[in-house]
Amino acid sequence: MNVNDVHERYLRLQNKYEEARTKWNRLDERRRLLEEQIAIKKAELDSYFEAVDTYEKARVLLQQSAEYAREQAKQQIETLVTNALQYVFGPLFSFQIEIDEHGAKPIAEFYVVSEYEGIIVKTKPQDARGGGVVDIVTLALRVALIETIHPKREGPLLLDEPGKHVSGEYVYALYEFLKSLSTMFNRQIIMITHNYHLAQSGDRAYEVQMRDGVSEVSNVD
């Protein structure tokens, strides 16, 4: 085999190497994108199951209550969740609970009622406009459960990423609503959030950053 043959063979091998490297880079980028999409969908799924769990607890409360107490609890929950929706999204939103009897067992269903250009739209919370509606309904239901369950639960209200799907235009209304909740029910609110504006709404805020594998906590002025 002469020098030219060796050189030609080397060039062919180099071309194959570059092709393989390019293909690997494309596949690696695709893998990274898929992992990001999986992480996003997993977070959405976790949020969905969290909301479902809250709805189920509210249903159980309504189902197990006596008729008069159930009606009282229903009105309190409807009022609180309606106030939350209107506080954040405006007066065209309300929350309704419908209780039907199935085999002598009361079954509660939840609905968000909204108005668009004079048309009344009634949907399940998870089907309402945008994920932010589900966030607010879930948050308000949690507070309603805490305030209506007997014996009453004392202590602060712990929130993990409240309103994480609420769009930026409604964030100010959300933290004003959280402040009103704290005042209305005389409860301290402790929350974890990535939203800068929500963090600024607190009386005291701390920022946690990871540096070289170690969490560092600092005050936020």
N, C-alpha and C. Protein backbone atom coordinates (compact mmCIF):
# COMPACT_ATOMS: atom_id res chain seq x y z
N MET A 1 0.85 -1.19 0.00
CA MET A 1 0.00 0.00 0.00
C MET A 1 0.89 1.24 0.00
N ASN A 2 0.70 2.10 -1.01
CA ASN A 2 1.56 3.28 -1.11
C ASN A 2 1.03 4.42 -0.25
N VAL A 3 1.80 5.49 -0.25
CA VAL A 3 1.46 6.64 0.60
C VAL A 3 0.11 7.24 0.22
N ASN A 4 -0.18 7.33 -1.08
CA ASN A 4 -1.44 7.91 -1.53
C ASN A 4 -2.64 7.09 -1.05
N ASP A 5 -2.49 5.76 -1.10
CA ASP A 5 -3.57 4.90 -0.62
C ASP A 5 -3.81 5.10 0.88
N VAL A 6 -2.70 5.18 1.62
CA VAL A 6 -2.82 5.40 3.07
C VAL A 6 -3.51 6.74 3.36
N HIS A 7 -3.07 7.75 2.61
CA HIS A 7 -3.66 9.09 2.82
C HIS A 7 -5.15 9.10 2.48
N GLU A 8 -5.51 8.43 1.38
CA GLU A 8 -6.91 8.38 0.98
C GLU A 8 -7.75 7.64 2.02
N ARG A 9 -7.18 6.56 2.51
CA ARG A 9 -7.89 5.79 3.54
C ARG A 9 -8.05 6.62 4.81
N TYR A 10 -7.03 7.35 5.14
CA TYR A 10 -7.10 8.22 6.33
C TYR A 10 -8.20 9.27 6.17
N LEU A 11 -8.28 9.85 4.97
CA LEU A 11 -9.31 10.87 4.72
C LEU A 11 -10.71 10.28 4.83
N ARG A 12 -10.88 9.03 4.32
CA ARG A 12 -12.19 8.38 4.41
C ARG A 12 -12.56 8.14 5.87
N LEU A 13 -11.59 7.66 6.63
CA LEU A 13 -11.85 7.42 8.06
C LEU A 13 -12.17 8.73 8.80
N GLN A 14 -11.45 9.79 8.44
CA GLN A 14 -11.69 11.08 9.08
C GLN A 14 -13.09 11.60 8.75
N ASN A 15 -13.51 11.40 7.48
CA ASN A 15 -14.85 11.82 7.09
C ASN A 15 -15.93 11.05 7.86
N LYS A 16 -15.71 9.73 7.99
CA LYS A 16 -16.66 8.92 8.74
C LYS A 16 -16.72 9.35 10.21
N TYR A 17 -15.55 9.67 10.75
CA TYR A 17 -15.49 10.14 12.14
C TYR A 17 -16.28 11.43 12.31
N GLU A 18 -16.09 12.38 11.39
CA GLU A 18 -16.80 13.65 11.47
C GLU A 18 -18.31 13.45 11.32
N GLU A 19 -18.71 12.55 10.41
CA GLU A 19 -20.12 12.26 10.25
C GLU A 19 -20.71 11.66 11.53
N ALA A 20 -19.96 10.71 12.12
CA ALA A 20 -20.43 10.08 13.35
C ALA A 20 -20.51 11.10 14.49
N ARG A 21 -19.52 11.99 14.54
CA ARG A 21 -19.50 13.01 15.60
C ARG A 21 -20.67 13.97 15.44
N THR A 22 -20.94 14.37 14.17
CA THR A 22 -22.07 15.26 13.91
C THR A 22 -23.38 14.59 14.29
N LYS A 23 -23.53 13.31 13.94
CA LYS A 23 -24.74 12.56 14.28
C LYS A 23 -24.89 12.45 15.80
N TRP A 24 -23.79 12.18 16.48
CA TRP A 24 -23.85 12.06 17.94
C TRP A 24 -24.25 13.38 18.58
N ASN A 25 -23.70 14.50 18.08
CA ASN A 25 -24.06 15.81 18.62
C ASN A 25 -25.55 16.10 18.44
N ARG A 26 -26.09 15.72 17.26
CA ARG A 26 -27.52 15.92 17.02
C ARG A 26 -28.36 15.09 17.98
N LEU A 27 -27.96 13.83 18.15
CA LEU A 27 -28.70 12.95 19.06
C LEU A 27 -28.59 13.44 20.50
N ASP A 28 -27.40 13.93 20.87
CA ASP A 28 -27.21 14.41 22.23
C ASP A 28 -28.07 15.65 22.49
N GLU A 29 -28.15 16.54 21.50
CA GLU A 29 -28.99 17.72 21.64
C GLU A 29 -30.46 17.33 21.73
N ARG A 30 -30.85 16.34 20.93
CA ARG A 30 -32.23 15.86 20.99
C ARG A 30 -32.54 15.26 22.35
N ARG A 31 -31.56 14.49 22.89
CA ARG A 31 -31.73 13.91 24.22
C ARG A 31 -31.92 15.00 25.27
N ARG A 32 -31.11 16.07 25.16
CA ARG A 32 -31.22 17.16 26.13
C ARG A 32 -32.58 17.84 26.05
N LEU A 33 -33.06 18.06 24.84
CA LEU A 33 -34.38 18.69 24.66
C LEU A 33 -35.49 17.80 25.22
N LEU A 34 -35.37 16.50 24.96
CA LEU A 34 -36.37 15.56 25.48
C LEU A 34 -36.38 15.55 27.01
N GLU A 35 -35.19 15.60 27.61
CA GLU A 35 -35.11 15.62 29.07
C GLU A 35 -35.75 16.88 29.63
N GLU A 36 -35.54 18.03 28.96
CA GLU A 36 -36.18 19.27 29.40
C GLU A 36 -37.69 19.18 29.29
N GLN A 37 -38.17 18.61 28.18
CA GLN A 37 -39.62 18.46 28.00
C GLN A 37 -40.22 17.52 29.04
N ILE A 38 -39.49 16.44 29.34
CA ILE A 38 -39.96 15.50 30.37
C ILE A 38 -40.04 16.18 31.72
N ALA A 39 -39.04 17.00 32.05
CA ALA A 39 -39.03 17.70 33.34
C ALA A 39 -40.22 18.66 33.43
N ILE A 40 -40.51 19.37 32.33
CA ILE A 40 -41.64 20.30 32.32
C ILE A 40 -42.96 19.54 32.50
N LYS A 41 -43.13 18.46 31.75
CA LYS A 41 -44.36 17.68 31.85
C LYS A 41 -44.51 17.04 33.22
N LYS A 42 -43.39 16.61 33.82
CA LYS A 42 -43.45 16.03 35.16
C LYS A 42 -43.92 17.08 36.17
N ALA A 43 -43.40 18.31 36.05
CA ALA A 43 -43.82 19.38 36.95
C ALA A 43 -45.30 19.68 36.77
N GLU A 44 -45.77 19.68 35.52
CA GLU A 44 -47.19 19.91 35.27
C GLU A 44 -48.04 18.78 35.85
N LEU A 45 -47.55 17.54 35.71
CA LEU A 45 -48.28 16.40 36.25
C LEU A 45 -48.33 16.45 37.78
N ASP A 46 -47.21 16.81 38.41
CA ASP A 46 -47.19 16.94 39.87
C ASP A 46 -48.18 17.99 40.33
N SER A 47 -48.23 19.12 39.60
CA SER A 47 -49.16 20.19 39.94
C SER A 47 -50.60 19.71 39.79
N TYR A 48 -50.86 18.92 38.73
CA TYR A 48 -52.21 18.41 38.49
C TYR A 48 -52.64 17.49 39.64
N PHE A 49 -51.75 16.55 40.02
CA PHE A 49 -52.10 15.63 41.10
C PHE A 49 -52.28 16.36 42.43
N GLU A 50 -51.50 17.41 42.63
CA GLU A 50 -51.64 18.22 43.84
C GLU A 50 -53.02 18.87 43.88
N ALA A 51 -53.45 19.40 42.72
CA ALA A 51 -54.78 20.03 42.65
C ALA A 51 -55.87 18.99 42.85
N VAL A 52 -55.73 17.81 42.23
CA VAL A 52 -56.72 16.75 42.38
C VAL A 52 -56.85 16.33 43.84
N ASP A 53 -55.71 16.23 44.53
CA ASP A 53 -55.74 15.86 45.94
C ASP A 53 -56.50 16.89 46.77
N THR A 54 -56.30 18.17 46.47
CA THR A 54 -57.02 19.21 47.20
C THR A 54 -58.51 19.14 46.92
N TYR A 55 -58.90 18.95 45.66
CA TYR A 55 -60.31 18.84 45.31
C TYR A 55 -60.97 17.65 46.03
N GLU A 56 -60.24 16.54 46.08
CA GLU A 56 -60.79 15.34 46.70
C GLU A 56 -61.02 15.56 48.19
N LYS A 57 -60.11 16.26 48.86
CA LYS A 57 -60.28 16.54 50.28
C LYS A 57 -61.50 17.43 50.51
N ALA A 58 -61.71 18.40 49.62
CA ALA A 58 -62.88 19.26 49.74
C ALA A 58 -64.16 18.46 49.53
N ARG A 59 -64.16 17.55 48.55
CA ARG A 59 -65.33 16.71 48.30
C ARG A 59 -65.67 15.86 49.53
N VAL A 60 -64.62 15.27 50.13
CA VAL A 60 -64.83 14.42 51.30
C VAL A 60 -65.44 15.24 52.44
N LEU A 61 -64.93 16.46 52.64
CA LEU A 61 -65.47 17.33 53.68
C LEU A 61 -66.96 17.58 53.46
N LEU A 62 -67.33 17.90 52.22
CA LEU A 62 -68.73 18.18 51.91
C LEU A 62 -69.59 16.92 52.02
N GLN A 63 -69.04 15.79 51.62
CA GLN A 63 -69.82 14.55 51.66
C GLN A 63 -70.08 14.08 53.08
N GLN A 64 -69.13 14.31 53.96
CA GLN A 64 -69.25 13.79 55.32
C GLN A 64 -70.01 14.72 56.26
N SER A 65 -70.27 15.93 55.82
CA SER A 65 -70.97 16.89 56.67
C SER A 65 -72.47 16.59 56.68
N ALA A 66 -73.13 16.96 57.79
CA ALA A 66 -74.58 16.88 57.84
C ALA A 66 -75.15 17.90 56.86
N GLU A 67 -76.45 17.75 56.52
CA GLU A 67 -77.03 18.57 55.46
C GLU A 67 -76.88 20.06 55.72
N TYR A 68 -77.24 20.52 56.92
CA TYR A 68 -77.14 21.96 57.21
C TYR A 68 -75.68 22.40 57.23
N ALA A 69 -74.85 21.61 57.91
CA ALA A 69 -73.43 21.96 57.99
C ALA A 69 -72.79 21.92 56.60
N ARG A 70 -73.27 20.97 55.78
CA ARG A 70 -72.74 20.87 54.42
C ARG A 70 -73.08 22.12 53.61
N GLU A 71 -74.30 22.60 53.75
CA GLU A 71 -74.70 23.81 53.03
C GLU A 71 -73.91 25.02 53.50
N GLN A 72 -73.68 25.09 54.81
CA GLN A 72 -72.88 26.19 55.35
C GLN A 72 -71.44 26.12 54.83
N ALA A 73 -70.87 24.92 54.86
CA ALA A 73 -69.50 24.75 54.36
C ALA A 73 -69.44 25.06 52.87
N LYS A 74 -70.46 24.61 52.12
CA LYS A 74 -70.51 24.87 50.68
C LYS A 74 -70.50 26.37 50.40
N GLN A 75 -71.33 27.12 51.13
CA GLN A 75 -71.39 28.57 50.91
C GLN A 75 -70.08 29.25 51.27
N GLN A 76 -69.47 28.81 52.39
CA GLN A 76 -68.20 29.41 52.80
C GLN A 76 -67.11 29.16 51.76
N ILE A 77 -67.06 27.92 51.27
CA ILE A 77 -66.03 27.57 50.29
C ILE A 77 -66.27 28.33 48.98
N GLU A 78 -67.53 28.37 48.53
CA GLU A 78 -67.85 29.09 47.29
C GLU A 78 -67.47 30.57 47.41
N THR A 79 -67.79 31.16 48.55
CA THR A 79 -67.50 32.58 48.75
C THR A 79 -66.01 32.85 48.74
N LEU A 80 -65.26 32.03 49.47
CA LEU A 80 -63.82 32.26 49.56
C LEU A 80 -63.14 32.07 48.21
N VAL A 81 -63.49 31.00 47.50
CA VAL A 81 -62.85 30.74 46.21
C VAL A 81 -63.28 31.79 45.18
N THR A 82 -64.55 32.19 45.21
CA THR A 82 -65.02 33.26 44.31
C THR A 82 -64.26 34.54 44.57
N ASN A 83 -64.11 34.90 45.85
CA ASN A 83 -63.36 36.11 46.19
C ASN A 83 -61.93 36.04 45.68
N ALA A 84 -61.32 34.86 45.80
CA ALA A 84 -59.94 34.69 45.33
C ALA A 84 -59.86 34.89 43.82
N LEU A 85 -60.77 34.26 43.08
CA LEU A 85 -60.77 34.40 41.61
C LEU A 85 -61.00 35.84 41.19
N GLN A 86 -61.96 36.51 41.86
CA GLN A 86 -62.26 37.89 41.49
C GLN A 86 -61.14 38.83 41.90
N TYR A 87 -60.49 38.54 43.01
CA TYR A 87 -59.39 39.38 43.47
C TYR A 87 -58.25 39.36 42.46
N VAL A 88 -57.99 38.17 41.90
CA VAL A 88 -56.85 38.02 40.98
C VAL A 88 -57.23 38.31 39.53
N PHE A 89 -58.37 37.76 39.08
CA PHE A 89 -58.70 37.83 37.65
C PHE A 89 -59.80 38.81 37.29
N GLY A 90 -60.48 39.37 38.31
CA GLY A 90 -61.53 40.33 37.99
C GLY A 90 -62.92 39.81 38.33
N PRO A 91 -63.93 40.68 38.22
CA PRO A 91 -65.29 40.37 38.71
C PRO A 91 -66.07 39.39 37.87
N LEU A 92 -65.57 38.99 36.71
CA LEU A 92 -66.34 38.13 35.83
C LEU A 92 -66.13 36.65 36.12
N PHE A 93 -65.50 36.34 37.26
CA PHE A 93 -65.27 34.95 37.64
C PHE A 93 -66.02 34.62 38.92
N SER A 94 -66.50 33.40 39.03
CA SER A 94 -67.08 32.91 40.27
C SER A 94 -66.86 31.40 40.37
N PHE A 95 -67.09 30.88 41.56
CA PHE A 95 -66.86 29.45 41.83
C PHE A 95 -68.15 28.84 42.34
N GLN A 96 -68.51 27.68 41.81
CA GLN A 96 -69.74 27.01 42.22
C GLN A 96 -69.46 25.56 42.59
N ILE A 97 -70.20 25.11 43.60
CA ILE A 97 -70.16 23.70 44.00
C ILE A 97 -71.55 23.12 43.79
N GLU A 98 -71.64 22.04 43.05
CA GLU A 98 -72.91 21.36 42.84
C GLU A 98 -72.86 20.01 43.53
N ILE A 99 -73.87 19.75 44.38
CA ILE A 99 -73.91 18.50 45.14
C ILE A 99 -75.12 17.70 44.68
N ASP A 100 -74.87 16.50 44.19
CA ASP A 100 -75.93 15.59 43.76
C ASP A 100 -75.90 14.34 44.62
N GLU A 101 -77.05 13.69 44.73
CA GLU A 101 -77.16 12.44 45.48
C GLU A 101 -77.05 11.26 44.52
N HIS A 102 -76.11 10.38 44.80
CA HIS A 102 -75.95 9.15 44.03
C HIS A 102 -75.96 7.97 44.99
N GLY A 103 -77.08 7.24 44.98
CA GLY A 103 -77.18 6.13 45.92
C GLY A 103 -77.12 6.58 47.35
N ALA A 104 -77.84 7.67 47.67
CA ALA A 104 -77.88 8.25 49.02
C ALA A 104 -76.52 8.78 49.47
N LYS A 105 -75.61 8.93 48.53
CA LYS A 105 -74.29 9.47 48.85
C LYS A 105 -74.09 10.78 48.10
N PRO A 106 -73.83 11.86 48.83
CA PRO A 106 -73.64 13.16 48.16
C PRO A 106 -72.32 13.22 47.40
N ILE A 107 -72.39 13.67 46.16
CA ILE A 107 -71.20 13.82 45.32
C ILE A 107 -71.06 15.28 44.94
N ALA A 108 -69.90 15.87 45.24
CA ALA A 108 -69.66 17.29 44.96
C ALA A 108 -68.86 17.45 43.69
N GLU A 109 -69.27 18.38 42.86
CA GLU A 109 -68.52 18.74 41.65
C GLU A 109 -68.21 20.23 41.69
N PHE A 110 -67.01 20.61 41.23
CA PHE A 110 -66.57 22.00 41.28
C PHE A 110 -66.56 22.61 39.89
N TYR A 111 -66.97 23.90 39.82
CA TYR A 111 -67.01 24.59 38.53
C TYR A 111 -66.53 26.03 38.67
N VAL A 112 -65.85 26.50 37.64
CA VAL A 112 -65.50 27.91 37.52
C VAL A 112 -66.44 28.51 36.47
N VAL A 113 -67.12 29.60 36.85
CA VAL A 113 -68.05 30.27 35.95
C VAL A 113 -67.44 31.61 35.57
N SER A 114 -67.36 31.86 34.28
CA SER A 114 -66.78 33.12 33.81
C SER A 114 -67.65 33.67 32.69
N GLU A 115 -67.45 34.95 32.40
CA GLU A 115 -68.24 35.61 31.36
C GLU A 115 -67.30 36.22 30.33
N TYR A 116 -67.54 35.92 29.07
CA TYR A 116 -66.76 36.47 27.97
C TYR A 116 -67.71 37.08 26.95
N GLU A 117 -67.63 38.40 26.83
CA GLU A 117 -68.45 39.13 25.86
C GLU A 117 -69.92 38.77 26.01
N GLY A 118 -70.39 38.75 27.26
CA GLY A 118 -71.79 38.48 27.54
C GLY A 118 -72.18 37.02 27.54
N ILE A 119 -71.24 36.12 27.25
CA ILE A 119 -71.52 34.69 27.22
C ILE A 119 -71.01 34.04 28.51
N ILE A 120 -71.88 33.31 29.20
CA ILE A 120 -71.50 32.63 30.44
C ILE A 120 -70.87 31.28 30.10
N VAL A 121 -69.68 31.07 30.62
CA VAL A 121 -68.95 29.81 30.38
C VAL A 121 -68.75 29.11 31.72
N LYS A 122 -69.16 27.85 31.78
CA LYS A 122 -69.06 27.07 33.01
C LYS A 122 -68.19 25.85 32.74
N THR A 123 -67.07 25.76 33.43
CA THR A 123 -66.12 24.68 33.18
C THR A 123 -65.58 24.12 34.48
N LYS A 124 -65.00 22.94 34.40
CA LYS A 124 -64.25 22.41 35.54
C LYS A 124 -62.99 23.27 35.72
N PRO A 125 -62.50 23.42 36.94
CA PRO A 125 -61.31 24.27 37.15
C PRO A 125 -60.13 23.91 36.25
N GLN A 126 -59.90 22.61 36.06
CA GLN A 126 -58.75 22.20 35.26
C GLN A 126 -58.94 22.50 33.77
N ASP A 127 -60.18 22.80 33.37
CA ASP A 127 -60.45 23.13 31.97
C ASP A 127 -60.63 24.62 31.75
N ALA A 128 -60.54 25.41 32.84
CA ALA A 128 -60.73 26.85 32.73
C ALA A 128 -59.53 27.48 32.04
N ARG A 129 -59.66 28.74 31.72
CA ARG A 129 -58.64 29.44 30.94
C ARG A 129 -57.30 29.47 31.66
N GLY A 130 -56.33 28.78 31.11
CA GLY A 130 -54.96 28.86 31.63
C GLY A 130 -54.78 28.12 32.95
N GLY A 131 -53.53 27.72 33.21
CA GLY A 131 -53.22 27.02 34.45
C GLY A 131 -53.34 27.89 35.68
N GLY A 132 -53.30 29.22 35.50
CA GLY A 132 -53.39 30.11 36.64
C GLY A 132 -54.69 30.00 37.39
N VAL A 133 -55.79 29.72 36.69
CA VAL A 133 -57.09 29.58 37.34
C VAL A 133 -57.06 28.38 38.29
N VAL A 134 -56.49 27.27 37.84
CA VAL A 134 -56.38 26.08 38.69
C VAL A 134 -55.55 26.40 39.93
N ASP A 135 -54.46 27.14 39.76
CA ASP A 135 -53.61 27.50 40.89
C ASP A 135 -54.39 28.27 41.95
N ILE A 136 -55.16 29.27 41.52
CA ILE A 136 -55.90 30.11 42.46
C ILE A 136 -57.01 29.32 43.14
N VAL A 137 -57.73 28.49 42.36
CA VAL A 137 -58.80 27.67 42.95
C VAL A 137 -58.21 26.71 43.99
N THR A 138 -57.09 26.07 43.64
CA THR A 138 -56.45 25.13 44.57
C THR A 138 -55.99 25.84 45.84
N LEU A 139 -55.38 27.01 45.69
CA LEU A 139 -54.91 27.78 46.84
C LEU A 139 -56.08 28.17 47.74
N ALA A 140 -57.15 28.69 47.14
CA ALA A 140 -58.30 29.12 47.93
C ALA A 140 -58.99 27.94 48.60
N LEU A 141 -59.05 26.80 47.92
CA LEU A 141 -59.66 25.60 48.52
C LEU A 141 -58.86 25.13 49.73
N ARG A 142 -57.55 25.21 49.65
CA ARG A 142 -56.73 24.83 50.80
C ARG A 142 -57.05 25.69 52.01
N VAL A 143 -57.12 26.99 51.76
CA VAL A 143 -57.43 27.90 52.87
C VAL A 143 -58.83 27.62 53.40
N ALA A 144 -59.79 27.38 52.49
CA ALA A 144 -61.16 27.09 52.91
C ALA A 144 -61.22 25.83 53.76
N LEU A 145 -60.47 24.81 53.37
CA LEU A 145 -60.44 23.56 54.15
C LEU A 145 -59.88 23.80 55.54
N ILE A 146 -58.79 24.55 55.60
CA ILE A 146 -58.16 24.84 56.90
C ILE A 146 -59.12 25.58 57.81
N GLU A 147 -59.88 26.53 57.23
CA GLU A 147 -60.74 27.38 58.04
C GLU A 147 -62.09 26.75 58.38
N THR A 148 -62.51 25.71 57.64
CA THR A 148 -63.82 25.11 57.89
C THR A 148 -63.76 23.78 58.63
N ILE A 149 -62.61 23.13 58.59
CA ILE A 149 -62.49 21.85 59.29
C ILE A 149 -62.50 22.08 60.80
N HIS A 150 -63.21 21.23 61.52
CA HIS A 150 -63.25 21.31 62.99
C HIS A 150 -62.69 20.00 63.56
N PRO A 151 -61.84 20.07 64.58
CA PRO A 151 -61.34 21.32 65.20
C PRO A 151 -60.43 22.10 64.24
N LYS A 152 -60.45 23.40 64.41
CA LYS A 152 -59.71 24.28 63.50
C LYS A 152 -58.21 24.06 63.64
N ARG A 153 -57.54 24.04 62.50
CA ARG A 153 -56.09 23.87 62.49
C ARG A 153 -55.42 25.23 62.71
N GLU A 154 -54.52 25.29 63.66
CA GLU A 154 -53.80 26.52 63.94
C GLU A 154 -52.44 26.49 63.25
N GLY A 155 -51.76 27.63 63.27
CA GLY A 155 -50.41 27.68 62.73
C GLY A 155 -50.35 28.40 61.40
N PRO A 156 -49.14 28.56 60.88
CA PRO A 156 -48.95 29.31 59.62
C PRO A 156 -49.45 28.52 58.41
N LEU A 157 -49.64 29.24 57.32
CA LEU A 157 -50.02 28.64 56.05
C LEU A 157 -48.75 28.46 55.23
N LEU A 158 -48.41 27.21 54.90
CA LEU A 158 -47.19 26.91 54.16
C LEU A 158 -47.54 26.72 52.68
N LEU A 159 -46.90 27.48 51.81
CA LEU A 159 -47.19 27.44 50.38
C LEU A 159 -45.91 27.18 49.59
N ASP A 160 -45.98 26.23 48.68
CA ASP A 160 -44.85 25.91 47.80
C ASP A 160 -45.19 26.36 46.39
N GLU A 161 -44.50 27.38 45.89
CA GLU A 161 -44.73 27.92 44.56
C GLU A 161 -46.19 28.28 44.30
N PRO A 162 -46.80 29.12 45.15
CA PRO A 162 -48.20 29.49 44.90
C PRO A 162 -48.33 30.27 43.59
N GLY A 163 -49.34 29.92 42.82
CA GLY A 163 -49.60 30.65 41.58
C GLY A 163 -48.48 30.57 40.57
N LYS A 164 -47.79 29.43 40.48
CA LYS A 164 -46.64 29.37 39.57
C LYS A 164 -47.06 29.43 38.10
N HIS A 165 -48.35 29.15 37.82
CA HIS A 165 -48.83 29.25 36.45
C HIS A 165 -49.58 30.55 36.18
N VAL A 166 -49.67 31.41 37.19
CA VAL A 166 -50.37 32.69 37.02
C VAL A 166 -49.47 33.61 36.19
N SER A 167 -50.01 34.19 35.14
CA SER A 167 -49.21 35.05 34.26
C SER A 167 -48.81 36.34 34.95
N GLY A 168 -47.77 36.97 34.42
CA GLY A 168 -47.18 38.14 35.06
C GLY A 168 -48.15 39.27 35.32
N GLU A 169 -49.14 39.45 34.46
CA GLU A 169 -50.08 40.57 34.63
C GLU A 169 -50.95 40.42 35.87
N TYR A 170 -51.05 39.19 36.40
CA TYR A 170 -51.90 38.97 37.57
C TYR A 170 -51.11 38.75 38.86
N VAL A 171 -49.78 38.75 38.78
CA VAL A 171 -48.97 38.44 39.96
C VAL A 171 -49.18 39.46 41.07
N TYR A 172 -49.27 40.74 40.71
CA TYR A 172 -49.48 41.77 41.75
C TYR A 172 -50.78 41.52 42.50
N ALA A 173 -51.84 41.20 41.75
CA ALA A 173 -53.12 40.90 42.39
C ALA A 173 -53.01 39.67 43.28
N LEU A 174 -52.19 38.69 42.86
CA LEU A 174 -52.02 37.47 43.66
C LEU A 174 -51.37 37.79 45.00
N TYR A 175 -50.29 38.57 44.98
CA TYR A 175 -49.66 38.79 46.29
C TYR A 175 -50.48 39.73 47.16
N GLU A 176 -51.30 40.60 46.57
CA GLU A 176 -52.22 41.38 47.38
C GLU A 176 -53.27 40.47 48.01
N PHE A 177 -53.70 39.45 47.25
CA PHE A 177 -54.65 38.49 47.79
C PHE A 177 -54.03 37.70 48.94
N LEU A 178 -52.77 37.28 48.79
CA LEU A 178 -52.11 36.55 49.86
C LEU A 178 -52.00 37.40 51.12
N LYS A 179 -51.69 38.68 50.94
CA LYS A 179 -51.63 39.58 52.10
C LYS A 179 -52.99 39.69 52.78
N SER A 180 -54.05 39.77 51.97
CA SER A 180 -55.39 39.88 52.54
C SER A 180 -55.77 38.61 53.29
N LEU A 181 -55.34 37.44 52.77
CA LEU A 181 -55.59 36.18 53.47
C LEU A 181 -54.93 36.18 54.84
N SER A 182 -53.68 36.63 54.86
CA SER A 182 -52.94 36.66 56.12
C SER A 182 -53.64 37.54 57.15
N THR A 183 -54.13 38.69 56.69
CA THR A 183 -54.82 39.62 57.60
C THR A 183 -56.19 39.07 58.01
N MET A 184 -56.93 38.56 57.04
CA MET A 184 -58.31 38.11 57.29
C MET A 184 -58.36 36.97 58.30
N PHE A 185 -57.46 36.00 58.15
CA PHE A 185 -57.50 34.81 59.00
C PHE A 185 -56.43 34.83 60.08
N ASN A 186 -55.70 35.94 60.17
CA ASN A 186 -54.68 36.09 61.20
C ASN A 186 -53.69 34.93 61.17
N ARG A 187 -53.21 34.64 59.96
CA ARG A 187 -52.26 33.55 59.80
C ARG A 187 -50.99 34.07 59.12
N GLN A 188 -49.87 33.63 59.64
CA GLN A 188 -48.61 33.90 58.96
C GLN A 188 -48.53 33.03 57.72
N ILE A 189 -48.01 33.59 56.63
CA ILE A 189 -47.82 32.82 55.40
C ILE A 189 -46.33 32.66 55.15
N ILE A 190 -45.91 31.42 55.01
CA ILE A 190 -44.53 31.11 54.68
C ILE A 190 -44.54 30.43 53.32
N MET A 191 -43.86 31.01 52.35
CA MET A 191 -43.92 30.43 51.01
C MET A 191 -42.54 30.33 50.38
N ILE A 192 -42.43 29.36 49.49
CA ILE A 192 -41.25 29.20 48.65
C ILE A 192 -41.65 29.60 47.24
N THR A 193 -40.88 30.47 46.62
CA THR A 193 -41.24 30.93 45.29
C THR A 193 -40.00 31.31 44.49
N HIS A 194 -40.10 31.14 43.17
CA HIS A 194 -39.07 31.63 42.26
C HIS A 194 -39.46 32.97 41.67
N ASN A 195 -40.66 33.44 42.04
CA ASN A 195 -41.16 34.70 41.48
C ASN A 195 -40.65 35.87 42.32
N TYR A 196 -39.88 36.74 41.70
CA TYR A 196 -39.26 37.86 42.41
C TYR A 196 -40.30 38.77 43.04
N HIS A 197 -41.38 39.05 42.31
CA HIS A 197 -42.40 39.98 42.81
C HIS A 197 -43.13 39.40 44.03
N LEU A 198 -43.40 38.10 44.00
CA LEU A 198 -44.02 37.48 45.17
C LEU A 198 -43.07 37.52 46.36
N ALA A 199 -41.80 37.27 46.10
CA ALA A 199 -40.81 37.32 47.19
C ALA A 199 -40.76 38.71 47.82
N GLN A 200 -40.87 39.75 46.99
CA GLN A 200 -40.82 41.11 47.49
C GLN A 200 -42.06 41.49 48.30
N SER A 201 -43.14 40.73 48.15
CA SER A 201 -44.38 41.08 48.84
C SER A 201 -44.33 40.73 50.33
N GLY A 202 -43.39 39.87 50.73
CA GLY A 202 -43.34 39.44 52.12
C GLY A 202 -42.74 40.48 53.04
N ASP A 203 -43.03 40.35 54.32
CA ASP A 203 -42.42 41.23 55.32
C ASP A 203 -40.94 40.91 55.47
N ARG A 204 -40.59 39.67 55.21
CA ARG A 204 -39.19 39.26 55.27
C ARG A 204 -38.95 38.20 54.20
N ALA A 205 -37.85 38.34 53.48
CA ALA A 205 -37.56 37.40 52.39
C ALA A 205 -36.10 36.96 52.45
N TYR A 206 -35.89 35.71 52.08
CA TYR A 206 -34.54 35.15 52.03
C TYR A 206 -34.31 34.54 50.66
N GLU A 207 -33.12 34.70 50.16
CA GLU A 207 -32.75 34.12 48.87
C GLU A 207 -31.79 32.97 49.11
N VAL A 208 -32.08 31.82 48.49
CA VAL A 208 -31.24 30.64 48.63
C VAL A 208 -30.57 30.36 47.29
N GLN A 209 -29.25 30.33 47.29
CA GLN A 209 -28.48 30.04 46.08
C GLN A 209 -27.54 28.88 46.33
N MET A 210 -27.35 28.08 45.29
CA MET A 210 -26.45 26.94 45.39
C MET A 210 -25.07 27.34 44.84
N ARG A 211 -24.05 27.23 45.68
CA ARG A 211 -22.69 27.54 45.26
C ARG A 211 -21.79 26.35 45.63
N ASP A 212 -21.20 25.75 44.60
CA ASP A 212 -20.30 24.61 44.79
C ASP A 212 -20.96 23.51 45.63
N GLY A 213 -22.26 23.27 45.34
CA GLY A 213 -22.97 22.20 46.04
C GLY A 213 -23.44 22.56 47.43
N VAL A 214 -23.28 23.82 47.85
CA VAL A 214 -23.69 24.24 49.19
C VAL A 214 -24.72 25.36 49.07
N SER A 215 -25.84 25.22 49.80
CA SER A 215 -26.88 26.25 49.79
C SER A 215 -26.47 27.43 50.65
N GLU A 216 -26.54 28.62 50.07
CA GLU A 216 -26.23 29.84 50.80
C GLU A 216 -27.49 30.69 50.94
N VAL A 217 -27.78 31.12 52.14
CA VAL A 217 -29.00 31.90 52.43
C VAL A 217 -28.61 33.34 52.74
N SER A 218 -29.30 34.27 52.10
CA SER A 218 -29.04 35.69 52.33
C SER A 218 -30.35 36.45 52.44
N ASN A 219 -30.34 37.55 53.16
CA ASN A 219 -31.52 38.41 53.28
C ASN A 219 -31.76 39.14 51.97
N VAL A 220 -33.03 39.36 51.65
CA VAL A 220 -33.41 40.14 50.49
C VAL A 220 -33.93 41.48 50.99
N ASP A 221 -33.28 42.56 50.58
CA ASP A 221 -33.69 43.89 51.04
C ASP A 221 -34.95 44.34 50.33
